[in-house]
Every structure is written in structure tokens, then in C-alpha cells.
N, C-alpha and C. Protein backbone atom coordinates (compact mmCIF):
# COMPACT_ATOMS: atom_id res chain seq x y z
N MET A 1 54.71 182.63 105.50
CA MET A 1 53.31 182.40 105.19
C MET A 1 52.95 180.94 105.48
N SER A 2 51.79 180.75 106.01
CA SER A 2 51.31 179.41 106.30
C SER A 2 50.65 178.81 105.06
N ARG A 3 51.07 177.59 104.74
CA ARG A 3 50.45 176.94 103.58
C ARG A 3 49.01 176.56 103.88
N ILE A 4 48.75 176.22 105.14
CA ILE A 4 47.38 175.87 105.52
C ILE A 4 46.50 177.11 105.43
N GLY A 5 47.01 178.24 105.89
CA GLY A 5 46.23 179.47 105.90
C GLY A 5 45.86 179.98 104.53
N LYS A 6 46.71 179.71 103.53
CA LYS A 6 46.45 180.19 102.17
C LYS A 6 45.27 179.50 101.51
N THR A 7 44.97 178.26 101.91
CA THR A 7 43.92 177.48 101.25
C THR A 7 42.55 178.08 101.54
N PRO A 8 41.75 178.34 100.52
CA PRO A 8 40.40 178.87 100.75
C PRO A 8 39.47 177.78 101.29
N ILE A 9 38.45 178.20 102.01
CA ILE A 9 37.47 177.27 102.59
C ILE A 9 36.21 177.33 101.74
N ASP A 10 35.83 176.19 101.18
CA ASP A 10 34.60 176.12 100.39
C ASP A 10 33.42 175.82 101.31
N LEU A 11 32.37 176.60 101.18
CA LEU A 11 31.16 176.37 101.97
C LEU A 11 30.25 175.42 101.22
N PRO A 12 29.90 174.27 101.80
CA PRO A 12 28.99 173.35 101.13
C PRO A 12 27.57 173.93 101.07
N GLN A 13 26.73 173.28 100.31
CA GLN A 13 25.34 173.72 100.16
C GLN A 13 24.66 173.67 101.53
N GLY A 14 23.94 174.71 101.87
CA GLY A 14 23.22 174.76 103.13
C GLY A 14 24.00 175.42 104.26
N VAL A 15 25.24 175.82 104.01
CA VAL A 15 26.05 176.48 105.03
C VAL A 15 26.29 177.92 104.60
N THR A 16 26.03 178.84 105.52
CA THR A 16 26.27 180.26 105.25
C THR A 16 27.16 180.84 106.33
N ALA A 17 27.90 181.87 105.98
CA ALA A 17 28.78 182.53 106.94
C ALA A 17 28.57 184.03 106.85
N SER A 18 28.65 184.70 108.00
CA SER A 18 28.54 186.16 108.02
C SER A 18 29.54 186.71 109.02
N LEU A 19 30.10 187.85 108.70
CA LEU A 19 31.14 188.47 109.52
C LEU A 19 30.62 189.79 110.06
N SER A 20 30.66 189.95 111.38
CA SER A 20 30.28 191.23 111.98
C SER A 20 31.37 191.61 112.98
N GLY A 21 32.18 192.59 112.58
CA GLY A 21 33.32 192.98 113.42
C GLY A 21 34.37 191.89 113.42
N SER A 22 34.68 191.37 114.60
CA SER A 22 35.66 190.29 114.69
C SER A 22 34.99 188.93 114.95
N LEU A 23 33.67 188.87 114.83
CA LEU A 23 32.95 187.61 115.04
C LEU A 23 32.49 187.03 113.71
N LEU A 24 32.82 185.77 113.49
CA LEU A 24 32.39 185.06 112.29
C LEU A 24 31.31 184.07 112.71
N LYS A 25 30.12 184.21 112.15
CA LYS A 25 29.02 183.30 112.49
C LYS A 25 28.79 182.37 111.30
N VAL A 26 28.87 181.06 111.57
CA VAL A 26 28.66 180.05 110.54
C VAL A 26 27.38 179.30 110.89
N VAL A 27 26.44 179.25 109.94
CA VAL A 27 25.15 178.60 110.16
C VAL A 27 25.03 177.45 109.17
N GLY A 28 24.64 176.27 109.69
CA GLY A 28 24.50 175.09 108.84
C GLY A 28 23.30 174.28 109.23
N PRO A 29 23.13 173.09 108.61
CA PRO A 29 21.96 172.27 108.90
C PRO A 29 21.91 171.73 110.33
N LYS A 30 23.04 171.62 111.01
CA LYS A 30 23.05 171.07 112.37
C LYS A 30 23.04 172.13 113.46
N GLY A 31 23.10 173.40 113.08
CA GLY A 31 23.10 174.47 114.09
C GLY A 31 23.93 175.64 113.64
N ASN A 32 24.47 176.38 114.62
CA ASN A 32 25.34 177.51 114.28
C ASN A 32 26.48 177.62 115.28
N LEU A 33 27.61 178.14 114.81
CA LEU A 33 28.79 178.34 115.64
C LEU A 33 29.32 179.75 115.40
N THR A 34 29.84 180.36 116.45
CA THR A 34 30.43 181.69 116.34
C THR A 34 31.90 181.60 116.72
N LEU A 35 32.76 182.16 115.88
CA LEU A 35 34.20 182.16 116.12
C LEU A 35 34.70 183.58 116.23
N LYS A 36 35.65 183.80 117.16
CA LYS A 36 36.28 185.11 117.27
C LYS A 36 37.52 185.10 116.41
N VAL A 37 37.59 186.02 115.46
CA VAL A 37 38.72 186.12 114.54
C VAL A 37 39.65 187.22 115.06
N PRO A 38 40.96 186.94 115.17
CA PRO A 38 41.88 188.00 115.60
C PRO A 38 41.79 189.22 114.68
N GLU A 39 41.90 190.40 115.27
CA GLU A 39 41.74 191.63 114.50
C GLU A 39 42.86 191.85 113.49
N SER A 40 43.99 191.18 113.68
CA SER A 40 45.11 191.34 112.75
C SER A 40 44.96 190.47 111.50
N LEU A 41 43.88 189.69 111.43
CA LEU A 41 43.61 188.87 110.24
C LEU A 41 42.38 189.41 109.53
N ALA A 42 42.41 189.33 108.21
CA ALA A 42 41.28 189.79 107.40
C ALA A 42 40.56 188.58 106.82
N VAL A 43 39.31 188.40 107.20
CA VAL A 43 38.50 187.29 106.68
C VAL A 43 37.54 187.87 105.65
N THR A 44 37.54 187.29 104.45
CA THR A 44 36.62 187.75 103.41
C THR A 44 35.73 186.60 102.97
N ILE A 45 34.46 186.91 102.77
CA ILE A 45 33.49 185.91 102.31
C ILE A 45 33.00 186.36 100.94
N THR A 46 33.33 185.57 99.91
CA THR A 46 32.86 185.89 98.55
C THR A 46 32.15 184.66 98.00
N GLY A 47 30.84 184.78 97.86
CA GLY A 47 30.06 183.64 97.37
C GLY A 47 30.09 182.51 98.37
N ASN A 48 30.57 181.35 97.94
CA ASN A 48 30.67 180.18 98.80
C ASN A 48 32.10 179.89 99.23
N VAL A 49 32.95 180.92 99.28
CA VAL A 49 34.36 180.73 99.62
C VAL A 49 34.76 181.72 100.71
N ILE A 50 35.44 181.20 101.75
CA ILE A 50 35.98 182.05 102.80
C ILE A 50 37.50 182.04 102.66
N THR A 51 38.11 183.22 102.69
CA THR A 51 39.57 183.31 102.65
C THR A 51 40.05 184.10 103.85
N VAL A 52 41.23 183.72 104.35
CA VAL A 52 41.84 184.39 105.48
C VAL A 52 43.15 184.99 105.00
N LYS A 53 43.39 186.26 105.35
CA LYS A 53 44.62 186.94 104.95
C LYS A 53 45.22 187.67 106.14
N ILE A 54 46.55 187.81 106.13
CA ILE A 54 47.25 188.54 107.19
C ILE A 54 47.21 190.03 106.85
N SER A 55 46.87 190.85 107.87
CA SER A 55 46.85 192.29 107.62
C SER A 55 47.87 193.03 108.49
N GLY A 56 48.83 192.30 109.07
CA GLY A 56 49.88 192.91 109.89
C GLY A 56 51.23 192.31 109.54
N SER A 57 52.26 192.64 110.33
CA SER A 57 53.60 192.12 110.03
C SER A 57 54.23 191.38 111.21
N ASP A 58 53.47 191.08 112.23
CA ASP A 58 53.98 190.36 113.40
C ASP A 58 54.27 188.90 113.03
N PRO A 59 55.45 188.35 113.41
CA PRO A 59 55.77 186.96 113.06
C PRO A 59 54.82 185.94 113.70
N ILE A 60 54.22 186.28 114.83
CA ILE A 60 53.27 185.38 115.49
C ILE A 60 52.03 185.19 114.61
N LEU A 61 51.75 186.15 113.76
CA LEU A 61 50.56 186.07 112.91
C LEU A 61 50.57 184.86 111.98
N ASN A 62 51.75 184.40 111.57
CA ASN A 62 51.82 183.23 110.70
C ASN A 62 51.21 182.01 111.38
N GLN A 63 51.44 181.88 112.69
CA GLN A 63 50.88 180.75 113.43
C GLN A 63 49.37 180.92 113.59
N VAL A 64 48.95 182.10 113.95
CA VAL A 64 47.53 182.36 114.17
C VAL A 64 46.76 182.26 112.85
N TYR A 65 47.43 182.58 111.77
CA TYR A 65 46.85 182.56 110.42
C TYR A 65 46.36 181.16 110.06
N GLY A 66 47.24 180.18 110.16
CA GLY A 66 46.87 178.79 109.84
C GLY A 66 45.86 178.23 110.83
N LEU A 67 46.03 178.58 112.11
CA LEU A 67 45.12 178.11 113.15
C LEU A 67 43.70 178.62 112.91
N THR A 68 43.57 179.90 112.61
CA THR A 68 42.25 180.49 112.39
C THR A 68 41.55 179.85 111.21
N ARG A 69 42.29 179.62 110.14
CA ARG A 69 41.71 178.98 108.96
C ARG A 69 41.23 177.57 109.30
N THR A 70 42.01 176.83 110.08
CA THR A 70 41.63 175.47 110.47
C THR A 70 40.41 175.48 111.40
N LEU A 71 40.34 176.44 112.31
CA LEU A 71 39.18 176.53 113.19
C LEU A 71 37.90 176.81 112.41
N ILE A 72 38.00 177.66 111.38
CA ILE A 72 36.84 177.94 110.54
C ILE A 72 36.44 176.69 109.77
N GLN A 73 37.43 175.96 109.23
CA GLN A 73 37.15 174.71 108.50
C GLN A 73 36.50 173.68 109.42
N ASN A 74 36.97 173.58 110.67
CA ASN A 74 36.38 172.64 111.63
C ASN A 74 34.93 173.00 111.94
N ALA A 75 34.64 174.29 112.00
CA ALA A 75 33.26 174.72 112.25
C ALA A 75 32.36 174.34 111.08
N VAL A 76 32.85 174.54 109.85
CA VAL A 76 32.06 174.20 108.66
C VAL A 76 31.82 172.69 108.61
N THR A 77 32.86 171.90 108.87
CA THR A 77 32.72 170.44 108.86
C THR A 77 31.77 169.97 109.96
N GLY A 78 31.86 170.56 111.14
CA GLY A 78 30.99 170.19 112.25
C GLY A 78 29.53 170.48 111.97
N LEU A 79 29.26 171.56 111.25
CA LEU A 79 27.88 171.93 110.95
C LEU A 79 27.28 171.10 109.82
N THR A 80 28.12 170.44 109.02
CA THR A 80 27.60 169.59 107.95
C THR A 80 27.60 168.12 108.35
N ARG A 81 28.73 167.60 108.83
CA ARG A 81 28.84 166.18 109.18
C ARG A 81 28.84 165.92 110.67
N GLY A 82 29.30 166.86 111.46
CA GLY A 82 29.43 166.67 112.90
C GLY A 82 30.75 166.00 113.25
N TRP A 83 31.08 165.99 114.53
CA TRP A 83 32.32 165.38 115.01
C TRP A 83 31.99 164.28 116.00
N GLU A 84 32.79 163.21 115.98
CA GLU A 84 32.59 162.08 116.90
C GLU A 84 33.92 161.67 117.50
N LYS A 85 33.87 161.24 118.75
CA LYS A 85 35.04 160.66 119.41
C LYS A 85 34.51 159.53 120.28
N THR A 86 35.19 158.38 120.24
CA THR A 86 34.73 157.22 121.00
C THR A 86 35.69 156.94 122.15
N VAL A 87 35.11 156.68 123.31
CA VAL A 87 35.86 156.36 124.52
C VAL A 87 35.42 154.97 124.96
N GLU A 88 36.39 154.12 125.37
CA GLU A 88 36.02 152.77 125.81
C GLU A 88 36.49 152.53 127.23
N LEU A 89 35.73 151.69 127.95
CA LEU A 89 36.06 151.31 129.31
C LEU A 89 36.67 149.92 129.28
N VAL A 90 37.86 149.77 129.83
CA VAL A 90 38.56 148.48 129.84
C VAL A 90 38.79 148.09 131.29
N GLY A 91 38.24 146.96 131.69
CA GLY A 91 38.42 146.47 133.05
C GLY A 91 37.25 145.59 133.45
N VAL A 92 37.50 144.69 134.39
CA VAL A 92 36.46 143.77 134.85
C VAL A 92 35.41 144.56 135.63
N GLY A 93 34.16 144.46 135.21
CA GLY A 93 33.07 145.14 135.89
C GLY A 93 32.89 146.59 135.49
N TYR A 94 33.71 147.10 134.59
CA TYR A 94 33.57 148.49 134.15
C TYR A 94 32.44 148.56 133.14
N LYS A 95 31.48 149.44 133.37
CA LYS A 95 30.39 149.59 132.41
C LYS A 95 29.82 150.99 132.49
N VAL A 96 29.05 151.32 131.47
CA VAL A 96 28.45 152.64 131.38
C VAL A 96 26.97 152.48 131.10
N SER A 97 26.17 153.40 131.63
CA SER A 97 24.73 153.39 131.36
C SER A 97 24.27 154.82 131.13
N GLY A 98 23.09 154.95 130.59
CA GLY A 98 22.54 156.26 130.30
C GLY A 98 22.55 156.53 128.81
N GLY A 99 22.82 157.75 128.44
CA GLY A 99 22.82 158.16 127.03
C GLY A 99 22.19 159.53 126.91
N GLY A 100 22.19 160.07 125.72
CA GLY A 100 21.63 161.40 125.51
C GLY A 100 22.56 162.47 126.06
N SER A 101 22.16 163.12 127.15
CA SER A 101 22.99 164.19 127.70
C SER A 101 23.67 163.82 129.01
N GLU A 102 23.44 162.59 129.51
CA GLU A 102 24.07 162.19 130.77
C GLU A 102 24.43 160.71 130.75
N VAL A 103 25.60 160.39 131.25
CA VAL A 103 26.02 158.99 131.37
C VAL A 103 26.50 158.74 132.80
N THR A 104 26.37 157.47 133.22
CA THR A 104 26.84 157.06 134.53
C THR A 104 27.89 155.97 134.33
N LEU A 105 29.07 156.19 134.89
CA LEU A 105 30.17 155.24 134.73
C LEU A 105 30.39 154.46 136.02
N LEU A 106 30.56 153.16 135.88
CA LEU A 106 30.97 152.30 136.99
C LEU A 106 32.38 151.83 136.66
N VAL A 107 33.38 152.47 137.28
CA VAL A 107 34.77 152.20 136.92
C VAL A 107 35.64 151.88 138.13
N GLY A 108 35.11 151.09 139.06
CA GLY A 108 35.91 150.63 140.18
C GLY A 108 35.90 151.52 141.40
N PHE A 109 35.14 152.60 141.39
CA PHE A 109 35.02 153.43 142.58
C PHE A 109 33.89 152.88 143.44
N THR A 110 33.77 153.38 144.67
CA THR A 110 32.70 152.92 145.54
C THR A 110 31.36 153.53 145.15
N HIS A 111 31.39 154.48 144.25
CA HIS A 111 30.17 155.17 143.83
C HIS A 111 30.16 155.30 142.31
N PRO A 112 28.97 155.36 141.70
CA PRO A 112 28.91 155.62 140.26
C PRO A 112 29.26 157.08 139.97
N VAL A 113 29.89 157.31 138.83
CA VAL A 113 30.30 158.67 138.44
C VAL A 113 29.37 159.15 137.33
N LYS A 114 28.67 160.27 137.59
CA LYS A 114 27.75 160.83 136.59
C LYS A 114 28.44 161.97 135.85
N VAL A 115 28.27 161.97 134.53
CA VAL A 115 28.84 163.03 133.70
C VAL A 115 27.72 163.61 132.85
N THR A 116 27.58 164.92 132.89
CA THR A 116 26.56 165.61 132.09
C THR A 116 27.25 166.33 130.94
N ALA A 117 26.68 166.21 129.76
CA ALA A 117 27.25 166.82 128.55
C ALA A 117 26.81 168.27 128.42
N PRO A 118 27.65 169.11 127.81
CA PRO A 118 27.22 170.47 127.48
C PRO A 118 26.06 170.43 126.48
N PRO A 119 25.35 171.53 126.28
CA PRO A 119 24.14 171.52 125.44
C PRO A 119 24.31 170.99 124.01
N SER A 120 25.43 171.23 123.36
CA SER A 120 25.56 170.81 121.95
C SER A 120 26.23 169.45 121.78
N VAL A 121 26.47 168.73 122.88
CA VAL A 121 27.15 167.42 122.82
C VAL A 121 26.19 166.34 123.30
N THR A 122 26.21 165.17 122.62
CA THR A 122 25.37 164.05 123.03
C THR A 122 26.21 162.80 123.22
N PHE A 123 25.72 161.92 124.09
CA PHE A 123 26.37 160.64 124.34
C PHE A 123 25.53 159.53 123.72
N GLN A 124 26.21 158.52 123.22
CA GLN A 124 25.53 157.33 122.71
C GLN A 124 26.30 156.13 123.26
N ILE A 125 25.59 155.17 123.86
CA ILE A 125 26.22 154.02 124.48
C ILE A 125 26.21 152.86 123.50
N LYS A 126 27.35 152.15 123.43
CA LYS A 126 27.46 150.99 122.55
C LYS A 126 28.15 149.87 123.33
N ASP A 127 27.55 148.71 123.39
CA ASP A 127 28.11 147.51 124.03
C ASP A 127 28.40 147.68 125.53
N ASN A 128 27.75 148.58 126.24
CA ASN A 128 27.95 148.80 127.67
C ASN A 128 29.36 149.23 128.06
N THR A 129 30.30 149.27 127.11
CA THR A 129 31.66 149.68 127.45
C THR A 129 32.19 150.78 126.54
N LYS A 130 31.41 151.22 125.58
CA LYS A 130 31.86 152.26 124.66
C LYS A 130 30.90 153.44 124.70
N ILE A 131 31.47 154.64 124.70
CA ILE A 131 30.68 155.87 124.68
C ILE A 131 31.07 156.64 123.42
N ILE A 132 30.09 156.93 122.57
CA ILE A 132 30.34 157.74 121.38
C ILE A 132 29.90 159.17 121.72
N ILE A 133 30.85 160.09 121.70
CA ILE A 133 30.58 161.49 122.00
C ILE A 133 30.46 162.22 120.67
N SER A 134 29.35 162.89 120.43
CA SER A 134 29.17 163.57 119.15
C SER A 134 28.63 164.98 119.37
N GLY A 135 28.99 165.86 118.43
CA GLY A 135 28.55 167.24 118.51
C GLY A 135 29.05 168.02 117.31
N ILE A 136 28.74 169.32 117.28
CA ILE A 136 29.14 170.14 116.13
C ILE A 136 30.45 170.87 116.37
N ASP A 137 30.85 171.05 117.63
CA ASP A 137 32.07 171.77 117.97
C ASP A 137 33.18 170.78 118.28
N LYS A 138 34.22 170.73 117.44
CA LYS A 138 35.30 169.76 117.59
C LYS A 138 36.02 169.92 118.92
N MET A 139 36.27 171.14 119.34
CA MET A 139 36.99 171.37 120.59
C MET A 139 36.17 170.89 121.79
N LEU A 140 34.87 171.12 121.75
CA LEU A 140 34.01 170.72 122.86
C LEU A 140 33.89 169.20 122.94
N VAL A 141 33.79 168.53 121.79
CA VAL A 141 33.73 167.06 121.77
C VAL A 141 35.03 166.48 122.34
N GLY A 142 36.16 167.04 121.94
CA GLY A 142 37.45 166.58 122.46
C GLY A 142 37.61 166.85 123.94
N GLU A 143 37.10 167.98 124.40
CA GLU A 143 37.19 168.33 125.81
C GLU A 143 36.36 167.38 126.67
N VAL A 144 35.15 167.04 126.22
CA VAL A 144 34.29 166.11 126.96
C VAL A 144 34.93 164.73 127.00
N ALA A 145 35.52 164.29 125.87
CA ALA A 145 36.21 163.00 125.83
C ALA A 145 37.39 163.00 126.80
N ALA A 146 38.12 164.10 126.88
CA ALA A 146 39.26 164.19 127.80
C ALA A 146 38.79 164.17 129.26
N ARG A 147 37.64 164.81 129.54
CA ARG A 147 37.11 164.78 130.91
C ARG A 147 36.70 163.36 131.30
N LEU A 148 36.09 162.61 130.36
CA LEU A 148 35.72 161.22 130.64
C LEU A 148 36.96 160.37 130.90
N ARG A 149 38.00 160.57 130.09
CA ARG A 149 39.23 159.79 130.24
C ARG A 149 39.92 160.13 131.57
N ALA A 150 39.81 161.38 132.01
CA ALA A 150 40.47 161.81 133.24
C ALA A 150 39.83 161.20 134.49
N ILE A 151 38.61 160.68 134.38
CA ILE A 151 37.95 160.06 135.53
C ILE A 151 38.75 158.85 136.00
N LYS A 152 39.20 158.04 135.08
CA LYS A 152 40.01 156.85 135.42
C LYS A 152 40.95 156.58 134.25
N PRO A 153 42.09 157.28 134.17
CA PRO A 153 43.02 157.07 133.06
C PRO A 153 43.57 155.65 133.07
N PRO A 154 43.96 155.10 131.92
CA PRO A 154 44.49 153.74 131.88
C PRO A 154 45.75 153.62 132.73
N GLU A 155 45.78 152.60 133.58
CA GLU A 155 46.95 152.43 134.43
C GLU A 155 48.01 151.61 133.68
N PRO A 156 49.29 151.81 133.99
CA PRO A 156 50.36 151.26 133.15
C PRO A 156 50.65 149.77 133.33
N TYR A 157 50.08 149.12 134.33
CA TYR A 157 50.43 147.71 134.56
C TYR A 157 49.46 146.75 133.88
N LYS A 158 48.16 146.99 134.01
CA LYS A 158 47.18 146.11 133.36
C LYS A 158 46.45 146.80 132.22
N GLY A 159 46.49 148.12 132.17
CA GLY A 159 45.81 148.85 131.11
C GLY A 159 44.35 149.14 131.41
N LYS A 160 43.91 148.88 132.66
CA LYS A 160 42.51 149.12 133.02
C LYS A 160 42.25 150.62 133.12
N GLY A 161 41.06 151.02 132.71
CA GLY A 161 40.68 152.42 132.82
C GLY A 161 39.85 152.87 131.64
N VAL A 162 39.71 154.18 131.50
CA VAL A 162 38.96 154.77 130.40
C VAL A 162 39.98 155.28 129.38
N ARG A 163 39.82 154.85 128.13
CA ARG A 163 40.76 155.26 127.08
C ARG A 163 40.02 155.58 125.80
N TYR A 164 40.71 156.31 124.91
CA TYR A 164 40.14 156.58 123.59
C TYR A 164 40.16 155.30 122.78
N LEU A 165 39.22 155.15 121.87
CA LEU A 165 39.19 153.97 121.01
C LEU A 165 40.44 153.97 120.13
N GLY A 166 41.17 152.87 120.17
CA GLY A 166 42.39 152.76 119.38
C GLY A 166 43.63 153.27 120.09
N GLU A 167 43.49 153.82 121.29
CA GLU A 167 44.66 154.32 122.02
C GLU A 167 45.52 153.15 122.48
N ILE A 168 46.80 153.26 122.29
CA ILE A 168 47.72 152.21 122.71
C ILE A 168 48.31 152.62 124.05
N VAL A 169 48.08 151.79 125.06
CA VAL A 169 48.58 152.07 126.40
C VAL A 169 49.92 151.36 126.56
N ARG A 170 50.96 152.12 126.87
CA ARG A 170 52.28 151.55 127.07
C ARG A 170 52.31 150.90 128.45
N LYS A 171 52.51 149.59 128.48
CA LYS A 171 52.48 148.87 129.75
C LYS A 171 53.88 148.70 130.31
N LYS A 172 53.97 148.72 131.64
CA LYS A 172 55.23 148.52 132.33
C LYS A 172 55.34 147.06 132.76
N ALA A 173 56.56 146.60 132.95
CA ALA A 173 56.77 145.26 133.48
C ALA A 173 56.47 145.30 134.98
N GLY A 174 55.96 144.20 135.50
CA GLY A 174 55.66 144.14 136.92
C GLY A 174 56.92 143.96 137.74
N LYS A 175 56.73 143.75 139.04
CA LYS A 175 57.85 143.54 139.93
C LYS A 175 58.56 142.24 139.58
N ALA A 176 59.87 142.23 139.65
CA ALA A 176 60.63 141.00 139.38
C ALA A 176 60.43 140.05 140.55
N VAL A 177 60.13 138.79 140.25
CA VAL A 177 59.88 137.79 141.29
C VAL A 177 61.20 137.11 141.63
N LYS A 178 61.47 136.95 142.94
CA LYS A 178 62.70 136.27 143.37
C LYS A 178 62.56 134.77 143.14
N ALA A 179 63.66 134.13 142.84
CA ALA A 179 63.65 132.68 142.64
C ALA A 179 63.47 131.99 143.99
N VAL A 180 62.76 130.85 143.98
CA VAL A 180 62.49 130.12 145.22
C VAL A 180 63.80 129.50 145.70
N GLY A 181 64.09 129.68 146.98
CA GLY A 181 65.29 129.09 147.56
C GLY A 181 66.54 129.93 147.36
N ALA A 182 66.43 131.04 146.70
CA ALA A 182 67.61 131.88 146.48
C ALA A 182 67.91 132.66 147.75
N PRO A 183 69.18 132.88 148.04
CA PRO A 183 69.51 133.64 149.25
C PRO A 183 69.05 135.09 149.12
N ALA A 184 68.65 135.66 150.22
CA ALA A 184 68.10 137.01 150.20
C ALA A 184 69.13 138.08 150.20
């Protein structure tokens, strides 16, 4: 049994959930999200509490059990507080412009790179080098952040590129320089 899966999910004020077949629809102040629940799991909604239970005997269900409960919790949190991820540009001349649903990155290519956000995700620019990605779906926010980072990942010698805020880039040592006058 998963310890994470056993924990009930409390619905805050203003958030409602409804189950129709294998689809769980969660509605909150910031919007609504729909999750597909595996048929081998039983989701029950009583009052302001959602519980997930295993209704089969497959060992794989223990993994899916905890995952499903966490996905439901992430949906509830996203609909009340939202999710944010910050990406920063590190490098001389690297900057970002735009905001809202589209940003343009200048990251050392011969052309500017335009990125458009999915409908439920927004961009906010801070200090010309930081992009705050926010939305209600945690997976979608993380996916957009990963797409931005993939445009120009941090290189291992100087650390220039697009990285997550707080990400530590492991740097490599450069080429060893020969001593002057040493025989070749």
C-alpha cells in the first residue's frame, strides 16, 4: 500500500469535484481541470474530501495509486493557488521580451526565438532575463519550462544558456594550457 495514496485530499472552500465514469472534473476559482482516473482505482467524493482506493490486486496498482492521488492534489492546488516556475537567461546579450502568451528570446542565435504558451499558461518577464511561467496545470507549466530550457541548455564550460532559477550547472575544466618554452 502506498502511504501517499492513503492520505485523503481536502477540498478548500470554492473547489468542487465531480466524478463521471473514469473522468474526475475539479472546478475552482482559477478554472477547471479534468483528470482520467484508472478504472482499477476507486475514487470517492464525500463532502469536501476525496479518497482514492485500490479495487484490484495487481502489484502495479500500488504505484498508480499514489501517483493518482498526487495528480488530484496537484489539480486542487493549481486551481486555488496556481503553479509557477522561473527560467533565467545567463549570458552576455541574452534577453527576453514580450509577455502574456508569447515571449521572444535572444540567446545567441542569428534569429530571435518566439515561444507561444498553451491557453492555460502565461508568461511574465522580470529583469529582461527571467521568465515566470504560471498556470493551473503543474505538468503543463513544467513542460513549457522544459521547452524553454531546451532552446539553449546551459553549456558546461561557461554556464551560458537558459536554466531553471536556482539550477546548479556543473562546469567542466577547460583545456590544459601548455607551459611556455616546454618541449612539445
